[in-house]
Each structure stands twice: as structure tokens, then as C-alpha cells.
Amino acid sequence: MFVTSLSLALILSPVIGRLGTRIGAVDTPDHRKVHTKPIPRTGGLAIFIAFTLTLLISTFFMTKVSDLLILDRQKVFIFMGAAICFATGLVDDFHRLNPWVKLLFQVISASVAFLGGLRIDQFVIMGSTIDFGLAGYFITIIWFVLFISAINLVDGLDGLAAGVVFFAAAMMVVLSVMGNNFLAAMLFSALGGRFSVF
């Protein structure tokens, strides 16, 4: 998964970068920026395509782990949530969106993923379990929005956000394997491979 995603990223990144420059989707330098020349703002498109293609290609691996990638209701909702979040960022790259509009769509994307089962229901510490009940929805939404905002915040310098995501994904692969959650490990491997290019 990692090698496939890495290979696709190496192919797609320069192609989509040139596309972004050609259509004018660039971040121009100013007194608040450290770069001295326009930089394409279409990196998110390369990330989404590489990640999605990696998952599609993995279905041909014929392994016990790749067999876990079955398109069920949960995965459809999670992918829909990711697609909404991606589309919001892509539109924002071309036409700057109002912060409240972006927040609205981030909440919608997180809500869709929540409906698919990607949620924070409880907290376990020292053998004790705390069930959040209905509050789990709001905790999940806040976690998603904070995570998205954190990555956007450090995305001003080349390689910073990608480096953060890469090391986070690598750690999640290790923790997922330790917890025998091989599907999650596979997904984080694909994500890490994509971000290792930067």
C-alpha cells in the first residue's frame, strides 16, 4: 500500500502541479509568505486521487488484509465524508470561501462520517470506560474540525503539514498493527505513502 501510494504520488504530483499553475490555482507571494514564487494550490487533488487509486489497486493484491476492504455502508459514508471535505478544500483553492462556509461543510463531512460509524463513543483509561452517549456526536465533530484546522494552520510552509501527516500516519500504522486493526493500518499506509513525497 505504501509503495503503491508513493509511486502514484511521484507521478501525479508534478502533473497536477503543472495543471494548477496553468489554470491559475496558485498561492502568490506577499509580505506574509516565505516563498518567492507562485506555488500551485492543487496538492489536495493529487492527495485525493493517489489515495483513492491506491485503495482501488489494493483490491487486486489478493491478500487477507486487502480482502478487508469491502465496500459496505460504513465505508461508503466515510468516503462520502472525506469527499465532501476534499471538495470544500478544492473549491477554496480556486475561489476563497468564507470561513463560516468552510466550517459548515467541515461539520457536514464529519457528520456523514459519524453516520457511517467513524465516531468517538467512549474513553477508556486504566480499565475504566466512560461512555459519551449523545455527547459523542459533538465530541467527534469537534475532533474532526480541530484536526482539519490544525493541518490547514501548518500548511503555510512547504513540507510542514505533509511531514506532520506522514509521521502521524506512520505511528497510526504501528498502533493499528499492535491492535490487530489491519484495515486501519492499510489505510494509514496508503495515506503515509502519499505524504512521504513532500
N, C-alpha and C. Protein backbone atom coordinates (compact mmCIF):
# COMPACT_ATOMS: atom_id res chain seq x y z
N MET A 1 0.84 -1.20 0.00
CA MET A 1 0.00 0.00 0.00
C MET A 1 0.87 1.25 0.00
N PHE A 2 1.89 1.24 0.84
CA PHE A 2 2.77 2.40 0.95
C PHE A 2 3.50 2.66 -0.36
N VAL A 3 4.07 1.61 -0.94
CA VAL A 3 4.83 1.75 -2.18
C VAL A 3 3.92 2.16 -3.34
N THR A 4 2.74 1.60 -3.39
CA THR A 4 1.79 1.97 -4.45
C THR A 4 1.41 3.43 -4.36
N SER A 5 1.08 3.88 -3.15
CA SER A 5 0.70 5.27 -2.94
C SER A 5 1.86 6.21 -3.23
N LEU A 6 3.06 5.81 -2.80
CA LEU A 6 4.25 6.62 -3.06
C LEU A 6 4.50 6.76 -4.56
N SER A 7 4.38 5.67 -5.29
CA SER A 7 4.62 5.68 -6.73
C SER A 7 3.61 6.57 -7.45
N LEU A 8 2.34 6.46 -7.07
CA LEU A 8 1.31 7.30 -7.67
C LEU A 8 1.54 8.77 -7.36
N ALA A 9 1.99 9.04 -6.14
CA ALA A 9 2.25 10.43 -5.74
C ALA A 9 3.38 11.03 -6.57
N LEU A 10 4.42 10.24 -6.81
CA LEU A 10 5.56 10.73 -7.60
C LEU A 10 5.14 11.04 -9.04
N ILE A 11 4.17 10.31 -9.54
CA ILE A 11 3.69 10.53 -10.90
C ILE A 11 2.70 11.69 -10.96
N LEU A 12 1.76 11.71 -10.00
CA LEU A 12 0.66 12.67 -10.06
C LEU A 12 1.03 14.07 -9.60
N SER A 13 1.90 14.18 -8.61
CA SER A 13 2.19 15.50 -8.02
C SER A 13 2.68 16.52 -9.04
N PRO A 14 3.70 16.21 -9.84
CA PRO A 14 4.15 17.21 -10.82
C PRO A 14 3.11 17.50 -11.90
N VAL A 15 2.37 16.47 -12.30
CA VAL A 15 1.35 16.67 -13.34
C VAL A 15 0.26 17.61 -12.85
N ILE A 16 -0.27 17.34 -11.66
CA ILE A 16 -1.34 18.18 -11.12
C ILE A 16 -0.81 19.54 -10.71
N GLY A 17 0.47 19.60 -10.31
CA GLY A 17 1.08 20.88 -10.00
C GLY A 17 1.13 21.78 -11.23
N ARG A 18 1.50 21.22 -12.37
CA ARG A 18 1.52 22.00 -13.60
C ARG A 18 0.11 22.40 -14.01
N LEU A 19 -0.86 21.52 -13.75
CA LEU A 19 -2.25 21.84 -14.05
C LEU A 19 -2.70 23.05 -13.22
N GLY A 20 -2.35 23.03 -11.94
CA GLY A 20 -2.72 24.15 -11.07
C GLY A 20 -2.12 25.46 -11.54
N THR A 21 -0.86 25.42 -11.97
CA THR A 21 -0.20 26.63 -12.49
C THR A 21 -0.88 27.12 -13.75
N ARG A 22 -1.24 26.18 -14.62
CA ARG A 22 -1.85 26.55 -15.90
C ARG A 22 -3.21 27.21 -15.72
N ILE A 23 -4.01 26.71 -14.76
CA ILE A 23 -5.36 27.26 -14.59
C ILE A 23 -5.40 28.39 -13.57
N GLY A 24 -4.24 28.74 -13.02
CA GLY A 24 -4.18 29.88 -12.12
C GLY A 24 -4.51 29.59 -10.67
N ALA A 25 -4.54 28.31 -10.30
CA ALA A 25 -4.80 27.95 -8.90
C ALA A 25 -3.46 27.93 -8.15
N VAL A 26 -2.94 29.13 -7.86
CA VAL A 26 -1.63 29.25 -7.24
C VAL A 26 -1.69 30.17 -6.03
N ASP A 27 -0.76 29.97 -5.13
CA ASP A 27 -0.61 30.82 -3.96
C ASP A 27 0.50 31.82 -4.26
N THR A 28 0.14 33.08 -4.46
CA THR A 28 1.12 34.09 -4.85
C THR A 28 1.86 34.65 -3.63
N PRO A 29 3.14 34.98 -3.79
CA PRO A 29 3.92 35.51 -2.66
C PRO A 29 3.42 36.89 -2.22
N ASP A 30 3.53 37.16 -0.93
CA ASP A 30 3.30 38.51 -0.41
C ASP A 30 4.14 38.67 0.86
N HIS A 31 3.92 39.75 1.59
CA HIS A 31 4.76 40.04 2.75
C HIS A 31 4.57 39.04 3.89
N ARG A 32 3.48 38.27 3.84
CA ARG A 32 3.21 37.28 4.89
C ARG A 32 3.70 35.89 4.51
N LYS A 33 4.18 35.71 3.29
CA LYS A 33 4.59 34.40 2.79
C LYS A 33 6.11 34.28 2.75
N VAL A 34 6.62 33.05 2.88
CA VAL A 34 8.06 32.84 2.82
C VAL A 34 8.52 32.42 1.43
N HIS A 35 7.60 31.95 0.57
CA HIS A 35 8.01 31.56 -0.77
C HIS A 35 8.09 32.79 -1.66
N THR A 36 8.96 32.70 -2.66
CA THR A 36 9.23 33.85 -3.53
C THR A 36 8.62 33.71 -4.91
N LYS A 37 8.00 32.57 -5.21
CA LYS A 37 7.36 32.38 -6.50
C LYS A 37 6.02 31.68 -6.30
N PRO A 38 5.10 31.85 -7.23
CA PRO A 38 3.78 31.23 -7.09
C PRO A 38 3.88 29.71 -6.94
N ILE A 39 3.07 29.15 -6.02
CA ILE A 39 3.05 27.72 -5.75
C ILE A 39 1.66 27.18 -6.04
N PRO A 40 1.55 26.09 -6.81
CA PRO A 40 0.23 25.51 -7.10
C PRO A 40 -0.51 25.13 -5.83
N ARG A 41 -1.82 25.37 -5.84
CA ARG A 41 -2.66 25.07 -4.69
C ARG A 41 -3.48 23.80 -4.91
N THR A 42 -3.05 22.96 -5.83
CA THR A 42 -3.82 21.77 -6.19
C THR A 42 -3.26 20.49 -5.58
N GLY A 43 -2.45 20.63 -4.53
CA GLY A 43 -1.89 19.44 -3.88
C GLY A 43 -2.95 18.50 -3.33
N GLY A 44 -4.04 19.07 -2.84
CA GLY A 44 -5.12 18.25 -2.30
C GLY A 44 -5.72 17.31 -3.34
N LEU A 45 -5.76 17.77 -4.59
CA LEU A 45 -6.29 16.93 -5.66
C LEU A 45 -5.38 15.73 -5.89
N ALA A 46 -4.07 15.97 -5.86
CA ALA A 46 -3.11 14.86 -6.03
C ALA A 46 -3.23 13.88 -4.88
N ILE A 47 -3.42 14.39 -3.67
CA ILE A 47 -3.56 13.53 -2.49
C ILE A 47 -4.79 12.64 -2.61
N PHE A 48 -5.90 13.25 -2.96
CA PHE A 48 -7.17 12.50 -3.04
C PHE A 48 -7.12 11.44 -4.13
N ILE A 49 -6.60 11.80 -5.31
CA ILE A 49 -6.55 10.85 -6.42
C ILE A 49 -5.60 9.69 -6.09
N ALA A 50 -4.41 10.02 -5.57
CA ALA A 50 -3.43 8.97 -5.25
C ALA A 50 -3.97 8.01 -4.20
N PHE A 51 -4.60 8.56 -3.16
CA PHE A 51 -5.15 7.73 -2.09
C PHE A 51 -6.26 6.83 -2.61
N THR A 52 -7.17 7.40 -3.40
CA THR A 52 -8.30 6.63 -3.93
C THR A 52 -7.83 5.54 -4.89
N LEU A 53 -6.89 5.89 -5.77
CA LEU A 53 -6.38 4.90 -6.72
C LEU A 53 -5.65 3.77 -5.99
N THR A 54 -4.94 4.12 -4.92
CA THR A 54 -4.24 3.09 -4.14
C THR A 54 -5.22 2.09 -3.56
N LEU A 55 -6.34 2.58 -3.05
CA LEU A 55 -7.34 1.68 -2.49
C LEU A 55 -7.95 0.79 -3.58
N LEU A 56 -8.18 1.37 -4.76
CA LEU A 56 -8.73 0.57 -5.86
C LEU A 56 -7.74 -0.49 -6.32
N ILE A 57 -6.47 -0.12 -6.42
CA ILE A 57 -5.44 -1.07 -6.85
C ILE A 57 -5.27 -2.18 -5.82
N SER A 58 -5.42 -1.83 -4.55
CA SER A 58 -5.21 -2.82 -3.48
C SER A 58 -6.19 -3.98 -3.55
N THR A 59 -7.33 -3.76 -4.20
CA THR A 59 -8.31 -4.85 -4.31
C THR A 59 -7.78 -6.00 -5.17
N PHE A 60 -6.71 -5.75 -5.93
CA PHE A 60 -6.12 -6.80 -6.77
C PHE A 60 -4.94 -7.49 -6.08
N PHE A 61 -4.63 -7.10 -4.83
CA PHE A 61 -3.49 -7.68 -4.13
C PHE A 61 -3.74 -9.13 -3.72
N MET A 62 -5.02 -9.48 -3.51
CA MET A 62 -5.40 -10.85 -3.14
C MET A 62 -4.72 -11.31 -1.85
N THR A 63 -4.75 -10.46 -0.84
CA THR A 63 -4.23 -10.85 0.47
C THR A 63 -5.36 -10.80 1.48
N LYS A 64 -5.12 -11.37 2.66
CA LYS A 64 -6.15 -11.36 3.71
C LYS A 64 -6.45 -9.95 4.17
N VAL A 65 -5.44 -9.09 4.13
CA VAL A 65 -5.64 -7.71 4.56
C VAL A 65 -6.41 -6.92 3.51
N SER A 66 -6.02 -7.05 2.24
CA SER A 66 -6.72 -6.32 1.19
C SER A 66 -8.17 -6.79 1.05
N ASP A 67 -8.43 -8.05 1.43
CA ASP A 67 -9.81 -8.56 1.38
C ASP A 67 -10.72 -7.86 2.39
N LEU A 68 -10.12 -7.18 3.37
CA LEU A 68 -10.91 -6.46 4.36
C LEU A 68 -11.54 -5.20 3.79
N LEU A 69 -11.01 -4.75 2.66
CA LEU A 69 -11.50 -3.52 2.05
C LEU A 69 -12.76 -3.81 1.23
N ILE A 70 -13.83 -4.10 1.94
CA ILE A 70 -15.12 -4.39 1.31
C ILE A 70 -15.98 -3.14 1.37
N LEU A 71 -16.58 -2.79 0.24
CA LEU A 71 -17.38 -1.58 0.17
C LEU A 71 -18.74 -1.82 0.83
N ASP A 72 -18.83 -1.48 2.12
CA ASP A 72 -20.09 -1.61 2.84
C ASP A 72 -20.62 -0.22 3.20
N ARG A 73 -21.71 -0.18 3.94
CA ARG A 73 -22.36 1.09 4.28
C ARG A 73 -21.41 2.01 5.04
N GLN A 74 -20.66 1.46 5.99
CA GLN A 74 -19.77 2.26 6.80
C GLN A 74 -18.70 2.94 5.94
N LYS A 75 -18.08 2.18 5.06
CA LYS A 75 -17.00 2.72 4.24
C LYS A 75 -17.54 3.73 3.23
N VAL A 76 -18.75 3.50 2.71
CA VAL A 76 -19.35 4.45 1.78
C VAL A 76 -19.56 5.79 2.46
N PHE A 77 -20.09 5.78 3.68
CA PHE A 77 -20.32 7.03 4.40
C PHE A 77 -19.02 7.73 4.75
N ILE A 78 -18.02 6.96 5.16
CA ILE A 78 -16.73 7.55 5.49
C ILE A 78 -16.10 8.18 4.26
N PHE A 79 -16.18 7.47 3.12
CA PHE A 79 -15.62 8.02 1.89
C PHE A 79 -16.40 9.26 1.45
N MET A 80 -17.72 9.25 1.63
CA MET A 80 -18.51 10.42 1.28
C MET A 80 -18.11 11.62 2.13
N GLY A 81 -17.89 11.39 3.42
CA GLY A 81 -17.45 12.47 4.30
C GLY A 81 -16.11 13.03 3.86
N ALA A 82 -15.19 12.13 3.51
CA ALA A 82 -13.87 12.56 3.03
C ALA A 82 -14.00 13.34 1.72
N ALA A 83 -14.89 12.88 0.84
CA ALA A 83 -15.08 13.55 -0.45
C ALA A 83 -15.64 14.95 -0.27
N ILE A 84 -16.56 15.13 0.68
CA ILE A 84 -17.12 16.46 0.94
C ILE A 84 -16.04 17.39 1.48
N CYS A 85 -15.22 16.88 2.39
CA CYS A 85 -14.13 17.67 2.95
C CYS A 85 -13.13 18.05 1.86
N PHE A 86 -12.80 17.09 1.01
CA PHE A 86 -11.88 17.34 -0.10
C PHE A 86 -12.44 18.38 -1.05
N ALA A 87 -13.72 18.23 -1.42
CA ALA A 87 -14.35 19.16 -2.37
C ALA A 87 -14.37 20.59 -1.81
N THR A 88 -14.60 20.70 -0.50
CA THR A 88 -14.60 22.02 0.13
C THR A 88 -13.23 22.68 0.00
N GLY A 89 -12.18 21.91 0.28
CA GLY A 89 -10.83 22.44 0.17
C GLY A 89 -10.46 22.78 -1.26
N LEU A 90 -10.92 21.94 -2.21
CA LEU A 90 -10.62 22.18 -3.62
C LEU A 90 -11.27 23.47 -4.11
N VAL A 91 -12.54 23.65 -3.75
CA VAL A 91 -13.23 24.89 -4.14
C VAL A 91 -12.55 26.09 -3.51
N ASP A 92 -12.13 25.95 -2.27
CA ASP A 92 -11.46 27.04 -1.56
C ASP A 92 -10.13 27.40 -2.24
N ASP A 93 -9.47 26.42 -2.86
CA ASP A 93 -8.22 26.68 -3.57
C ASP A 93 -8.44 27.56 -4.79
N PHE A 94 -9.60 27.43 -5.42
CA PHE A 94 -9.90 28.20 -6.63
C PHE A 94 -10.61 29.51 -6.30
N HIS A 95 -11.55 29.44 -5.38
CA HIS A 95 -12.32 30.63 -5.00
C HIS A 95 -12.39 30.66 -3.48
N ARG A 96 -11.72 31.60 -2.88
CA ARG A 96 -11.65 31.67 -1.43
C ARG A 96 -13.05 31.68 -0.81
N LEU A 97 -13.31 30.69 0.05
CA LEU A 97 -14.61 30.57 0.71
C LEU A 97 -14.62 31.34 2.01
N ASN A 98 -15.80 31.77 2.39
CA ASN A 98 -15.98 32.39 3.70
C ASN A 98 -15.66 31.35 4.78
N PRO A 99 -14.92 31.73 5.84
CA PRO A 99 -14.56 30.76 6.89
C PRO A 99 -15.76 30.03 7.47
N TRP A 100 -16.90 30.71 7.59
CA TRP A 100 -18.09 30.07 8.16
C TRP A 100 -18.65 29.03 7.20
N VAL A 101 -18.52 29.30 5.89
CA VAL A 101 -18.97 28.32 4.89
C VAL A 101 -18.09 27.07 4.96
N LYS A 102 -16.78 27.28 5.07
CA LYS A 102 -15.87 26.13 5.20
C LYS A 102 -16.17 25.34 6.46
N LEU A 103 -16.42 26.04 7.55
CA LEU A 103 -16.74 25.36 8.81
C LEU A 103 -18.01 24.54 8.67
N LEU A 104 -19.01 25.09 8.00
CA LEU A 104 -20.28 24.38 7.79
C LEU A 104 -20.05 23.06 7.06
N PHE A 105 -19.28 23.11 5.98
CA PHE A 105 -19.05 21.90 5.20
C PHE A 105 -18.13 20.92 5.91
N GLN A 106 -17.24 21.41 6.74
CA GLN A 106 -16.42 20.52 7.56
C GLN A 106 -17.30 19.77 8.57
N VAL A 107 -18.26 20.47 9.15
CA VAL A 107 -19.20 19.84 10.09
C VAL A 107 -20.05 18.81 9.34
N ILE A 108 -20.49 19.15 8.13
CA ILE A 108 -21.30 18.22 7.34
C ILE A 108 -20.49 16.97 7.01
N SER A 109 -19.24 17.15 6.58
CA SER A 109 -18.42 15.99 6.23
C SER A 109 -18.16 15.10 7.44
N ALA A 110 -17.92 15.72 8.59
CA ALA A 110 -17.71 14.94 9.82
C ALA A 110 -18.99 14.23 10.23
N SER A 111 -20.13 14.87 10.03
CA SER A 111 -21.42 14.26 10.38
C SER A 111 -21.70 13.04 9.51
N VAL A 112 -21.37 13.12 8.22
CA VAL A 112 -21.57 11.99 7.32
C VAL A 112 -20.69 10.82 7.76
N ALA A 113 -19.42 11.11 8.09
CA ALA A 113 -18.52 10.05 8.56
C ALA A 113 -19.05 9.47 9.87
N PHE A 114 -19.60 10.31 10.74
CA PHE A 114 -20.17 9.85 12.01
C PHE A 114 -21.31 8.87 11.75
N LEU A 115 -22.16 9.19 10.79
CA LEU A 115 -23.27 8.30 10.45
C LEU A 115 -22.78 6.96 9.94
N GLY A 116 -21.59 6.96 9.34
CA GLY A 116 -21.01 5.73 8.85
C GLY A 116 -20.33 4.90 9.93
N GLY A 117 -20.26 5.44 11.14
CA GLY A 117 -19.68 4.68 12.25
C GLY A 117 -18.32 5.16 12.70
N LEU A 118 -17.78 6.19 12.04
CA LEU A 118 -16.48 6.74 12.44
C LEU A 118 -16.75 7.77 13.53
N ARG A 119 -16.72 7.31 14.76
CA ARG A 119 -17.15 8.17 15.86
C ARG A 119 -16.36 7.90 17.14
N ILE A 120 -16.42 8.86 18.04
CA ILE A 120 -15.81 8.73 19.36
C ILE A 120 -16.95 8.50 20.35
N ASP A 121 -17.14 7.25 20.75
CA ASP A 121 -18.25 6.88 21.62
C ASP A 121 -17.88 6.81 23.09
N GLN A 122 -16.61 6.48 23.34
CA GLN A 122 -16.21 6.27 24.72
C GLN A 122 -14.73 6.55 24.91
N PHE A 123 -14.35 6.64 26.17
CA PHE A 123 -12.96 6.88 26.53
C PHE A 123 -12.57 5.87 27.59
N VAL A 124 -11.50 5.14 27.34
CA VAL A 124 -11.06 4.10 28.27
C VAL A 124 -9.73 4.51 28.88
N ILE A 125 -9.68 4.52 30.21
CA ILE A 125 -8.45 4.85 30.91
C ILE A 125 -8.31 3.97 32.14
N MET A 126 -7.18 3.28 32.23
CA MET A 126 -6.88 2.42 33.37
C MET A 126 -8.00 1.42 33.65
N GLY A 127 -8.54 0.85 32.57
CA GLY A 127 -9.57 -0.17 32.72
C GLY A 127 -10.98 0.37 32.92
N SER A 128 -11.11 1.66 33.11
CA SER A 128 -12.44 2.27 33.30
C SER A 128 -12.92 2.87 31.99
N THR A 129 -14.19 2.66 31.68
CA THR A 129 -14.76 3.15 30.44
C THR A 129 -15.76 4.26 30.70
N ILE A 130 -15.62 5.35 29.98
CA ILE A 130 -16.55 6.47 30.07
C ILE A 130 -17.32 6.54 28.75
N ASP A 131 -18.62 6.28 28.79
CA ASP A 131 -19.46 6.36 27.60
C ASP A 131 -19.97 7.78 27.43
N PHE A 132 -19.82 8.32 26.23
CA PHE A 132 -20.21 9.70 25.98
C PHE A 132 -21.68 9.86 25.61
N GLY A 133 -22.32 8.77 25.17
CA GLY A 133 -23.73 8.86 24.79
C GLY A 133 -23.94 9.83 23.64
N LEU A 134 -24.96 10.69 23.73
CA LEU A 134 -25.25 11.66 22.69
C LEU A 134 -24.13 12.67 22.52
N ALA A 135 -23.39 12.92 23.58
CA ALA A 135 -22.28 13.87 23.50
C ALA A 135 -21.19 13.37 22.57
N GLY A 136 -21.19 12.08 22.28
CA GLY A 136 -20.20 11.51 21.37
C GLY A 136 -20.23 12.16 20.00
N TYR A 137 -21.43 12.56 19.55
CA TYR A 137 -21.54 13.22 18.25
C TYR A 137 -20.77 14.53 18.25
N PHE A 138 -21.01 15.35 19.26
CA PHE A 138 -20.36 16.66 19.32
C PHE A 138 -18.85 16.53 19.54
N ILE A 139 -18.46 15.56 20.32
CA ILE A 139 -17.02 15.32 20.53
C ILE A 139 -16.36 14.91 19.23
N THR A 140 -17.03 14.03 18.47
CA THR A 140 -16.49 13.59 17.18
C THR A 140 -16.36 14.75 16.21
N ILE A 141 -17.40 15.58 16.12
CA ILE A 141 -17.38 16.72 15.20
C ILE A 141 -16.27 17.68 15.58
N ILE A 142 -16.14 17.99 16.86
CA ILE A 142 -15.10 18.92 17.32
C ILE A 142 -13.72 18.36 16.99
N TRP A 143 -13.53 17.04 17.21
CA TRP A 143 -12.24 16.42 16.93
C TRP A 143 -11.89 16.54 15.45
N PHE A 144 -12.86 16.25 14.58
CA PHE A 144 -12.62 16.34 13.14
C PHE A 144 -12.27 17.77 12.73
N VAL A 145 -13.07 18.72 13.18
CA VAL A 145 -12.86 20.12 12.78
C VAL A 145 -11.52 20.64 13.30
N LEU A 146 -11.17 20.29 14.53
CA LEU A 146 -9.89 20.72 15.08
C LEU A 146 -8.73 20.10 14.30
N PHE A 147 -8.85 18.85 13.93
CA PHE A 147 -7.78 18.18 13.17
C PHE A 147 -7.61 18.82 11.81
N ILE A 148 -8.73 19.06 11.12
CA ILE A 148 -8.67 19.71 9.80
C ILE A 148 -8.04 21.10 9.91
N SER A 149 -8.47 21.86 10.92
CA SER A 149 -7.96 23.21 11.12
C SER A 149 -6.48 23.21 11.46
N ALA A 150 -6.06 22.23 12.26
CA ALA A 150 -4.65 22.14 12.64
C ALA A 150 -3.76 21.91 11.42
N ILE A 151 -4.19 21.02 10.52
CA ILE A 151 -3.41 20.75 9.31
C ILE A 151 -3.41 21.98 8.40
N ASN A 152 -4.55 22.65 8.28
CA ASN A 152 -4.61 23.87 7.47
C ASN A 152 -3.70 24.95 8.03
N LEU A 153 -3.60 24.99 9.34
CA LEU A 153 -2.81 26.03 10.00
C LEU A 153 -1.32 25.89 9.71
N VAL A 154 -0.83 24.64 9.64
CA VAL A 154 0.61 24.42 9.42
C VAL A 154 0.92 24.21 7.94
N ASP A 155 -0.06 24.47 7.07
CA ASP A 155 0.13 24.22 5.64
C ASP A 155 0.77 25.40 4.92
N GLY A 156 1.26 26.37 5.66
CA GLY A 156 1.84 27.54 5.02
C GLY A 156 3.27 27.33 4.55
N LEU A 157 3.98 26.38 5.11
CA LEU A 157 5.36 26.11 4.73
C LEU A 157 5.44 24.78 3.98
N ASP A 158 6.21 24.75 2.91
CA ASP A 158 6.35 23.53 2.13
C ASP A 158 6.86 22.37 2.99
N GLY A 159 6.11 21.28 2.97
CA GLY A 159 6.56 20.07 3.65
C GLY A 159 6.18 19.97 5.11
N LEU A 160 5.76 21.06 5.74
CA LEU A 160 5.45 21.01 7.17
C LEU A 160 4.21 20.18 7.45
N ALA A 161 3.10 20.52 6.79
CA ALA A 161 1.87 19.77 7.01
C ALA A 161 2.03 18.32 6.57
N ALA A 162 2.69 18.13 5.40
CA ALA A 162 2.90 16.78 4.89
C ALA A 162 3.74 15.95 5.86
N GLY A 163 4.76 16.57 6.44
CA GLY A 163 5.60 15.86 7.39
C GLY A 163 4.84 15.45 8.64
N VAL A 164 3.99 16.35 9.12
CA VAL A 164 3.18 16.05 10.30
C VAL A 164 2.25 14.87 10.01
N VAL A 165 1.58 14.92 8.86
CA VAL A 165 0.64 13.85 8.50
C VAL A 165 1.38 12.53 8.28
N PHE A 166 2.56 12.59 7.65
CA PHE A 166 3.32 11.37 7.39
C PHE A 166 3.69 10.66 8.69
N PHE A 167 4.25 11.41 9.65
CA PHE A 167 4.67 10.78 10.90
C PHE A 167 3.46 10.34 11.74
N ALA A 168 2.37 11.09 11.65
CA ALA A 168 1.15 10.67 12.35
C ALA A 168 0.62 9.38 11.74
N ALA A 169 0.63 9.30 10.40
CA ALA A 169 0.15 8.10 9.72
C ALA A 169 1.04 6.91 10.05
N ALA A 170 2.36 7.13 10.08
CA ALA A 170 3.30 6.04 10.40
C ALA A 170 3.05 5.51 11.80
N MET A 171 2.82 6.42 12.75
CA MET A 171 2.54 5.99 14.12
C MET A 171 1.22 5.22 14.19
N MET A 172 0.21 5.68 13.43
CA MET A 172 -1.08 5.01 13.44
C MET A 172 -0.97 3.62 12.81
N VAL A 173 -0.08 3.44 11.83
CA VAL A 173 0.14 2.11 11.26
C VAL A 173 0.65 1.17 12.35
N VAL A 174 1.64 1.63 13.12
CA VAL A 174 2.22 0.82 14.19
C VAL A 174 1.16 0.47 15.23
N LEU A 175 0.41 1.48 15.68
CA LEU A 175 -0.60 1.25 16.71
C LEU A 175 -1.73 0.34 16.20
N SER A 176 -2.10 0.51 14.93
CA SER A 176 -3.16 -0.32 14.35
C SER A 176 -2.74 -1.78 14.26
N VAL A 177 -1.49 -2.02 13.85
CA VAL A 177 -0.99 -3.39 13.78
C VAL A 177 -0.92 -4.00 15.17
N MET A 178 -0.47 -3.22 16.15
CA MET A 178 -0.41 -3.71 17.52
C MET A 178 -1.79 -4.07 18.05
N GLY A 179 -2.81 -3.34 17.57
CA GLY A 179 -4.18 -3.61 18.00
C GLY A 179 -4.92 -4.55 17.08
N ASN A 180 -4.19 -5.18 16.13
CA ASN A 180 -4.78 -6.12 15.17
C ASN A 180 -5.86 -5.49 14.29
N ASN A 181 -5.78 -4.17 14.11
CA ASN A 181 -6.71 -3.48 13.22
C ASN A 181 -5.99 -3.27 11.88
N PHE A 182 -5.95 -4.33 11.09
CA PHE A 182 -5.13 -4.31 9.88
C PHE A 182 -5.74 -3.47 8.77
N LEU A 183 -7.05 -3.31 8.77
CA LEU A 183 -7.68 -2.45 7.77
C LEU A 183 -7.24 -1.00 7.98
N ALA A 184 -7.26 -0.54 9.23
CA ALA A 184 -6.81 0.82 9.53
C ALA A 184 -5.34 0.98 9.17
N ALA A 185 -4.54 -0.04 9.47
CA ALA A 185 -3.11 0.01 9.14
C ALA A 185 -2.92 0.16 7.63
N MET A 186 -3.74 -0.53 6.86
CA MET A 186 -3.65 -0.45 5.41
C MET A 186 -3.99 0.95 4.91
N LEU A 187 -5.05 1.54 5.47
CA LEU A 187 -5.47 2.88 5.05
C LEU A 187 -4.42 3.92 5.42
N PHE A 188 -3.87 3.81 6.62
CA PHE A 188 -2.84 4.77 7.04
C PHE A 188 -1.55 4.58 6.24
N SER A 189 -1.27 3.36 5.79
CA SER A 189 -0.10 3.12 4.94
C SER A 189 -0.26 3.84 3.61
N ALA A 190 -1.47 3.78 3.04
CA ALA A 190 -1.74 4.47 1.79
C ALA A 190 -1.61 5.98 1.97
N LEU A 191 -2.11 6.48 3.10
CA LEU A 191 -2.03 7.92 3.37
C LEU A 191 -0.58 8.34 3.59
N GLY A 192 0.16 7.56 4.34
CA GLY A 192 1.56 7.88 4.60
C GLY A 192 2.41 7.87 3.35
N GLY A 193 2.14 6.93 2.46
CA GLY A 193 2.88 6.86 1.21
C GLY A 193 2.69 8.09 0.37
N ARG A 194 1.46 8.60 0.38
CA ARG A 194 1.17 9.81 -0.39
C ARG A 194 1.91 11.02 0.16
N PHE A 195 1.98 11.16 1.45
CA PHE A 195 2.59 12.34 2.06
C PHE A 195 4.10 12.25 2.18
N SER A 196 4.67 11.06 1.97
CA SER A 196 6.11 10.91 2.08
C SER A 196 6.85 11.57 0.93
N VAL A 197 6.11 11.97 -0.12
CA VAL A 197 6.74 12.60 -1.28
C VAL A 197 7.25 13.99 -0.93
N PHE A 198 6.52 14.71 -0.05
CA PHE A 198 6.86 16.10 0.24
C PHE A 198 8.05 16.20 1.18
